[in-house]
Protein backbone atom coordinates (compact mmCIF):
# COMPACT_ATOMS: atom_id res chain seq x y z
CA MET A 1 26.02 -27.17 63.88
CA HIS A 2 29.73 -27.42 64.38
CA ASN A 3 30.03 -31.17 64.76
CA LYS A 4 27.37 -32.45 62.42
CA THR A 5 29.20 -34.92 60.21
CA PHE A 6 27.36 -37.73 58.54
CA VAL A 7 28.13 -41.09 56.99
CA ALA A 8 27.21 -42.77 53.72
CA VAL A 9 25.70 -40.04 51.58
CA ALA A 10 24.73 -42.62 48.98
CA THR A 11 21.21 -43.50 50.07
CA GLY A 12 21.41 -47.22 49.50
CA LEU A 13 24.69 -47.66 51.31
CA GLY A 14 23.59 -45.52 54.23
CA LEU A 15 20.26 -47.26 54.73
CA LEU A 16 21.70 -50.75 54.33
CA ALA A 17 24.42 -50.03 56.84
CA LEU A 18 21.92 -48.76 59.38
CA SER A 19 19.40 -51.55 58.83
CA ALA A 20 22.16 -54.05 59.56
CA CYS A 21 22.42 -52.47 63.01
CA GLY A 22 18.72 -53.00 63.66
CA THR A 23 16.04 -50.49 64.58
CA SER A 24 14.49 -49.42 67.80
CA SER A 25 11.05 -48.39 68.93
CA GLY A 26 12.42 -46.17 71.65
CA GLY A 27 9.63 -43.61 71.44
CA PRO A 28 6.98 -43.08 74.11
CA SER A 29 3.88 -45.24 74.32
CA ALA A 30 0.58 -43.90 73.08
CA ALA A 31 -0.55 -43.55 76.69
CA ASP A 32 2.37 -41.27 77.53
CA SER A 33 0.56 -38.22 76.18
CA ARG A 34 2.40 -35.70 78.36
CA THR A 35 5.84 -36.55 76.93
CA VAL A 36 7.18 -35.16 73.66
CA THR A 37 10.13 -37.09 72.30
CA LEU A 38 12.57 -35.13 70.17
CA VAL A 39 14.88 -37.07 67.85
CA SER A 40 17.92 -35.08 66.80
CA HIS A 41 21.56 -35.18 65.77
CA ASP A 42 24.06 -34.83 68.59
CA SER A 43 24.48 -31.05 68.19
CA TRP A 44 21.06 -30.28 69.70
CA SER A 45 21.38 -27.89 72.63
CA VAL A 46 19.07 -25.52 74.49
CA SER A 47 19.42 -23.63 77.76
CA LYS A 48 17.81 -25.49 80.67
CA ASN A 49 15.72 -22.52 81.74
CA VAL A 50 14.35 -22.02 78.22
CA LEU A 51 13.30 -25.65 77.91
CA ALA A 52 11.89 -25.62 81.44
CA ALA A 53 9.76 -22.61 80.57
CA PHE A 54 8.27 -24.49 77.62
CA GLU A 55 7.56 -27.55 79.76
CA LYS A 56 5.85 -25.45 82.43
CA GLN A 57 3.79 -23.43 79.96
CA SER A 58 2.75 -26.38 77.78
CA GLY A 59 2.47 -29.15 80.35
CA TYR A 60 4.64 -31.44 78.22
CA LYS A 61 7.88 -33.06 79.34
CA VAL A 62 10.53 -33.16 76.63
CA LYS A 63 12.62 -36.27 76.13
CA VAL A 64 15.61 -35.95 73.78
CA LEU A 65 17.09 -38.80 71.76
CA GLU A 66 20.36 -37.77 70.17
CA ASP A 67 20.94 -40.14 67.30
CA GLY A 68 24.48 -39.50 66.06
CA ASP A 69 25.47 -37.15 63.28
CA ALA A 70 23.05 -35.43 60.93
CA GLY A 71 22.94 -37.85 58.01
CA GLN A 72 23.00 -40.87 60.28
CA ALA A 73 20.03 -39.52 62.23
CA VAL A 74 18.07 -38.81 59.04
CA ASN A 75 18.73 -42.28 57.62
CA LYS A 76 17.73 -43.99 60.86
CA ALA A 77 14.56 -41.91 61.10
CA ILE A 78 13.65 -43.06 57.58
CA LEU A 79 14.26 -46.69 58.52
CA THR A 80 12.05 -46.42 61.60
CA LYS A 81 9.33 -44.21 60.14
CA ASP A 82 6.64 -46.92 60.49
CA ASN A 83 7.46 -47.19 64.20
CA PRO A 84 9.14 -43.86 64.93
CA GLN A 85 11.44 -43.33 67.87
CA GLY A 86 9.80 -40.03 68.69
CA ASP A 87 7.38 -37.28 67.78
CA VAL A 88 9.57 -34.49 66.37
CA PHE A 89 12.74 -34.70 64.33
CA PHE A 90 15.20 -31.81 64.37
CA GLY A 91 18.32 -31.50 62.26
CA VAL A 92 17.61 -32.26 58.61
CA ASP A 93 19.15 -29.52 56.48
CA ASN A 94 18.70 -28.45 52.88
CA THR A 95 21.47 -30.77 51.65
CA LEU A 96 19.46 -33.83 52.77
CA LEU A 97 15.91 -32.43 52.82
CA SER A 98 14.77 -34.14 49.63
CA ARG A 99 15.75 -37.55 50.99
CA ALA A 100 13.57 -37.06 54.08
CA LEU A 101 10.61 -35.70 52.10
CA ASP A 102 10.78 -38.32 49.35
CA ASN A 103 10.66 -41.05 51.99
CA GLY A 104 7.57 -39.59 53.69
CA LEU A 105 9.34 -38.91 56.97
CA PHE A 106 7.07 -36.02 58.00
CA GLN A 107 3.38 -35.17 58.16
CA PRO A 108 2.28 -31.60 57.39
CA TYR A 109 1.90 -29.01 60.11
CA GLU A 110 2.01 -25.24 59.75
CA ALA A 111 3.72 -24.05 62.92
CA LYS A 112 2.54 -20.92 64.68
CA GLY A 113 4.97 -18.12 63.96
CA LEU A 114 5.84 -19.36 60.47
CA GLY A 115 4.62 -16.06 59.07
CA GLN A 116 7.58 -14.40 60.81
CA VAL A 117 10.07 -16.59 58.93
CA ASP A 118 11.55 -15.17 55.74
CA ALA A 119 10.33 -16.92 52.60
CA SER A 120 13.91 -17.75 51.58
CA PHE A 121 14.06 -20.29 54.42
CA ARG A 122 10.68 -21.91 53.70
CA LEU A 123 11.97 -24.44 51.21
CA ASP A 124 8.93 -26.76 51.34
CA GLY A 125 6.60 -24.02 50.12
CA ASP A 126 3.02 -24.31 51.27
CA LYS A 127 3.22 -28.06 52.00
CA HIS A 128 4.55 -27.38 55.52
CA ARG A 129 6.10 -30.81 55.97
CA VAL A 130 9.06 -29.18 57.70
CA THR A 131 9.54 -26.04 59.77
CA PRO A 132 12.69 -23.94 59.23
CA VAL A 133 14.46 -23.41 62.54
CA ASP A 134 17.92 -22.00 61.91
CA HIS A 135 20.47 -21.20 59.26
CA GLY A 136 24.21 -20.94 58.93
CA ASP A 137 26.92 -20.60 56.31
CA ILE A 138 29.57 -23.15 55.44
CA CYS A 139 32.67 -21.10 54.64
CA VAL A 140 36.43 -21.30 54.52
CA ASN A 141 37.92 -19.98 57.77
CA TYR A 142 41.45 -18.63 57.97
CA ASP A 143 44.12 -18.31 60.67
CA LYS A 144 44.71 -14.56 61.04
CA LYS A 145 48.14 -14.97 62.65
CA TYR A 146 49.46 -17.17 59.84
CA PHE A 147 48.53 -14.69 57.14
CA ALA A 148 49.83 -11.72 59.13
CA ASP A 149 53.12 -13.50 59.81
CA HIS A 150 53.52 -14.40 56.14
CA LYS A 151 52.40 -10.96 54.93
CA LEU A 152 49.85 -12.70 52.73
CA ALA A 153 46.27 -11.58 52.18
CA PRO A 154 43.79 -14.32 53.13
CA PRO A 155 41.75 -15.75 50.24
CA ALA A 156 38.49 -14.00 49.50
CA SER A 157 36.85 -16.32 46.97
CA PHE A 158 36.66 -19.85 45.62
CA ASP A 159 38.96 -18.78 42.78
CA ASP A 160 41.63 -17.60 45.21
CA LEU A 161 41.93 -21.06 46.76
CA THR A 162 43.39 -22.44 43.52
CA LYS A 163 46.16 -19.82 43.31
CA PRO A 164 49.81 -20.83 43.97
CA ALA A 165 50.01 -18.50 46.98
CA TYR A 166 47.60 -20.83 48.83
CA ARG A 167 49.19 -24.15 47.83
CA ASN A 168 49.01 -26.81 50.57
CA LEU A 169 47.13 -24.47 52.95
CA LEU A 170 43.51 -25.75 52.79
CA VAL A 171 41.97 -28.70 54.62
CA THR A 172 38.39 -29.72 53.86
CA GLU A 173 36.06 -32.52 54.87
CA ASN A 174 35.12 -35.51 52.74
CA ALA A 175 31.94 -34.68 50.82
CA ALA A 176 30.79 -38.29 51.27
CA THR A 177 31.18 -38.35 55.06
CA SER A 178 30.71 -34.78 56.26
CA SER A 179 27.92 -32.22 56.20
CA PRO A 180 30.24 -29.20 55.78
CA GLY A 181 32.22 -31.18 53.21
CA LEU A 182 29.07 -31.77 51.18
CA GLY A 183 28.03 -28.14 51.62
CA PHE A 184 31.40 -26.96 50.30
CA LEU A 185 31.02 -29.23 47.27
CA LEU A 186 27.51 -27.87 46.64
CA GLY A 187 28.86 -24.35 46.98
CA THR A 188 31.38 -24.97 44.22
CA ALA A 189 28.68 -26.57 42.05
CA ALA A 190 26.47 -23.52 42.58
CA ARG A 191 29.37 -21.24 41.71
CA TYR A 192 30.78 -23.08 38.67
CA GLY A 193 27.86 -25.10 37.32
CA ASP A 194 27.08 -28.76 36.74
CA THR A 195 30.33 -29.47 34.91
CA GLY A 196 32.54 -26.55 35.89
CA TRP A 197 32.81 -27.68 39.50
CA GLN A 198 34.84 -30.71 38.41
CA GLN A 199 37.37 -28.50 36.65
CA TYR A 200 37.54 -26.38 39.79
CA TRP A 201 38.24 -29.39 42.02
CA THR A 202 40.92 -30.59 39.61
CA LYS A 203 42.67 -27.27 40.19
CA LEU A 204 42.08 -27.42 43.93
CA LYS A 205 43.54 -30.94 44.11
CA ALA A 206 46.58 -29.83 42.13
CA ASN A 207 46.99 -26.97 44.60
CA GLY A 208 47.36 -29.38 47.51
CA VAL A 209 43.96 -29.47 49.21
CA LYS A 210 43.91 -31.99 52.06
CA VAL A 211 40.76 -34.07 52.65
CA VAL A 212 39.85 -35.61 56.03
CA ASP A 213 36.76 -37.50 57.14
CA GLY A 214 34.93 -34.94 59.24
CA TRP A 215 34.68 -31.48 60.75
CA GLU A 216 36.21 -32.30 64.12
CA GLN A 217 39.38 -33.70 62.52
CA ALA A 218 39.65 -30.82 60.08
CA TYR A 219 38.92 -28.01 62.52
CA ASP A 220 40.23 -29.30 65.85
CA GLN A 221 43.31 -31.14 64.59
CA GLU A 222 44.46 -29.88 61.19
CA PHE A 223 43.52 -26.18 61.33
CA SER A 224 46.23 -23.98 62.84
CA GLY A 225 43.79 -21.23 63.79
CA SER A 226 41.57 -23.12 66.23
CA ALA A 227 42.35 -23.69 69.91
CA GLY A 228 42.27 -27.44 69.34
CA GLY A 229 44.34 -27.24 66.19
CA ARG A 230 47.04 -25.16 67.83
CA LYS A 231 47.26 -27.68 70.66
CA ALA A 232 47.38 -30.59 68.20
CA GLY A 233 50.04 -28.93 66.03
CA GLY A 234 47.73 -28.32 63.08
CA ASP A 235 49.56 -26.79 60.14
CA ARG A 236 46.76 -25.87 57.72
CA PRO A 237 45.76 -22.17 58.02
CA LEU A 238 42.62 -22.62 55.88
CA VAL A 239 39.71 -24.91 56.77
CA VAL A 240 36.14 -25.50 55.61
CA SER A 241 33.98 -24.67 58.64
CA TYR A 242 31.21 -22.17 59.46
CA ALA A 243 30.76 -18.41 59.51
CA SER A 244 29.91 -18.87 63.20
CA SER A 245 33.25 -20.51 64.06
CA PRO A 246 35.06 -17.23 64.90
CA PRO A 247 32.60 -16.29 67.68
CA ALA A 248 32.93 -19.81 69.07
CA GLU A 249 36.69 -19.30 69.30
CA VAL A 250 36.06 -16.14 71.32
CA VAL A 251 33.34 -17.51 73.62
CA TYR A 252 35.18 -20.69 74.59
CA ALA A 253 38.60 -19.07 75.09
CA LYS A 254 39.75 -18.41 78.65
CA PRO A 255 40.46 -15.58 79.06
CA ARG A 256 38.41 -14.18 76.22
CA PRO A 257 40.52 -12.52 73.53
CA LYS A 258 39.73 -9.01 72.38
CA SER A 259 39.35 -10.23 68.80
CA ALA A 260 38.70 -13.53 67.08
CA PRO A 261 41.87 -15.39 66.03
CA THR A 262 40.11 -16.57 62.88
CA GLY A 263 38.27 -14.95 60.00
CA VAL A 264 35.89 -15.98 57.22
CA ALA A 265 36.51 -15.86 53.49
CA GLN A 266 33.13 -14.39 52.57
CA GLY A 267 33.33 -15.43 48.92
CA THR A 268 33.44 -19.14 49.78
CA CYS A 269 30.13 -19.58 51.62
CA PHE A 270 27.17 -21.91 51.07
CA ARG A 271 23.90 -21.30 52.90
CA GLN A 272 22.66 -24.15 55.10
CA VAL A 273 19.09 -24.15 56.45
CA GLU A 274 18.03 -26.57 59.18
CA PHE A 275 14.51 -27.89 59.75
CA ALA A 276 12.31 -29.74 62.21
CA GLY A 277 9.22 -31.76 61.43
CA LEU A 278 6.32 -33.73 62.88
CA LEU A 279 7.21 -37.37 62.34
CA SER A 280 4.75 -39.54 60.48
CA GLY A 281 3.22 -41.95 62.96
CA ALA A 282 4.19 -39.78 65.94
CA HIS A 283 2.80 -41.10 69.25
CA ASN A 284 2.03 -37.60 70.49
CA PRO A 285 1.25 -35.34 67.52
CA LYS A 286 -0.45 -32.72 69.71
CA GLY A 287 2.64 -32.35 71.87
CA ALA A 288 4.85 -32.39 68.80
CA LYS A 289 2.93 -29.48 67.30
CA ALA A 290 3.32 -27.51 70.52
CA PHE A 291 7.06 -28.17 70.42
CA LEU A 292 7.33 -27.04 66.79
CA ASP A 293 5.52 -23.84 67.77
CA PHE A 294 8.07 -23.40 70.58
CA LEU A 295 10.99 -23.64 68.14
CA LEU A 296 9.75 -20.48 66.40
CA THR A 297 9.29 -18.43 69.56
CA ARG A 298 11.59 -15.48 70.12
CA ARG A 299 12.83 -17.00 73.36
CA PHE A 300 14.08 -20.18 71.68
CA GLN A 301 15.32 -18.40 68.57
CA GLU A 302 17.39 -15.97 70.62
CA ASP A 303 18.72 -18.79 72.79
CA MET A 304 20.07 -20.80 69.84
CA PRO A 305 23.15 -18.85 68.72
CA LEU A 306 25.38 -19.49 71.74
CA ASN A 307 24.11 -23.07 72.14
CA MET A 308 24.27 -24.43 68.60
CA TYR A 309 26.19 -21.62 66.85
CA VAL A 310 23.53 -21.02 64.25
CA TYR A 311 21.47 -17.99 63.28
CA PRO A 312 17.73 -17.48 63.91
CA VAL A 313 15.21 -17.62 61.08
CA VAL A 314 12.49 -15.56 62.80
CA LYS A 315 12.46 -11.93 61.75
CA GLY A 316 13.54 -9.54 64.48
CA ALA A 317 15.18 -12.19 66.68
CA THR A 318 18.32 -10.69 68.12
CA VAL A 319 21.70 -12.39 68.13
CA PRO A 320 24.37 -11.98 70.81
CA PRO A 321 27.06 -9.33 70.32
CA GLU A 322 29.67 -12.06 69.77
CA PHE A 323 27.88 -12.96 66.54
CA THR A 324 27.46 -9.44 65.25
CA GLU A 325 31.09 -8.62 66.00
CA TYR A 326 32.91 -11.84 65.12
CA GLY A 327 30.59 -13.96 62.99
CA PRO A 328 28.05 -12.13 60.83
CA PRO A 329 26.35 -14.33 58.23
CA ALA A 330 27.60 -14.20 54.66
CA THR A 331 26.20 -11.33 52.65
CA ARG A 332 26.01 -13.25 49.34
CA PRO A 333 26.26 -16.99 50.04
CA GLU A 334 25.88 -19.55 47.31
CA THR A 335 22.51 -21.31 47.43
CA MET A 336 20.88 -24.21 45.64
CA ALA A 337 17.26 -25.27 45.26
CA PRO A 338 16.38 -28.52 47.08
CA ALA A 339 15.15 -30.05 43.80
CA ARG A 340 18.54 -29.49 42.20
CA ILE A 341 20.30 -30.95 45.22
CA ALA A 342 17.99 -33.96 45.06
CA ALA A 343 18.70 -34.52 41.39
CA HIS A 344 22.48 -34.23 41.60
CA ARG A 345 23.68 -34.85 45.16
CA ASP A 346 24.54 -38.54 44.99
CA PRO A 347 26.07 -38.59 41.47
CA TRP A 348 28.05 -35.45 42.31
CA VAL A 349 29.42 -37.10 45.46
CA ARG A 350 30.40 -40.19 43.46
CA SER A 351 32.12 -38.04 40.85
CA TRP A 352 33.85 -35.98 43.54
CA THR A 353 35.11 -39.14 45.25
CA SER A 354 36.59 -40.49 42.01
CA LEU A 355 38.12 -37.15 41.11
CA VAL A 356 39.53 -36.04 44.44
CA LEU A 357 40.26 -39.17 46.47
CA LYS A 358 41.73 -41.39 43.76
């Protein structure tokens, strides 16, 4: 989830840009019934032994087509839906779900194990066009050392970020080009309402928020608390990232630190749910259904956290100790119904762009 930026939130612009690049029919032929082709964003990851176990048990070979960042992959899948590149699509989240559903990207299938998924993640109701696979929280992360050195309490809420004490400290991603950037915008809209969010962003802009194109630039270059940011000379101790970023800082550090160098401002979080679906016109729908069932197995669900830094949706699936110690999910994240996102996403992004970037 950490590097899922996307381009051209405005539907027309995104689809036109991608159609200019052409489409591809890179999926398997109808005769290739033992291959399941997964189309995904480039953050897809699974342990080799876990995938091999599925292939052995099911008899299907899995081919993975990573198709760029999240929004780019969704837009391209829509463009190629009449001649899809694959059988299963993974990586559409609740911020873009309505676009995929409105364009008929998926055909219904109720995956085995869905009954073990909490109803709060089943955003398509009983239509079963998509299967919830994972969730995470987009939150402001803070550099613990900076705040300790400056004897300043880290911010705890959206309101705190507009206070003078935090002037020129926050970097966020562009809501028009980044999935976490859009999630942060939606979080403020959920918190302050359809019109109040604009007043909030006016205050945030006046308080020196810095906007960059995507997560990698914000987190790995501008943020002083990340390993990459420290190396790059990042000077912003607050960044819009994920609740799972602190455990990533621990796992990838050599040697491992005893505690995470970063923390999460729990009052700034927006819940993100990620889905997979059986593509309309899939060459191998039987294999695709088996793969969707696999995504809800305990083995896959418990393998996800340290591969994609997301949380399981299946009840009872355990998470690694790094998550429970350094990156627990938000206790009261902001949420928004997909229908409301669908109705307001694009005009909100246009308004945000005019307000914040001009």
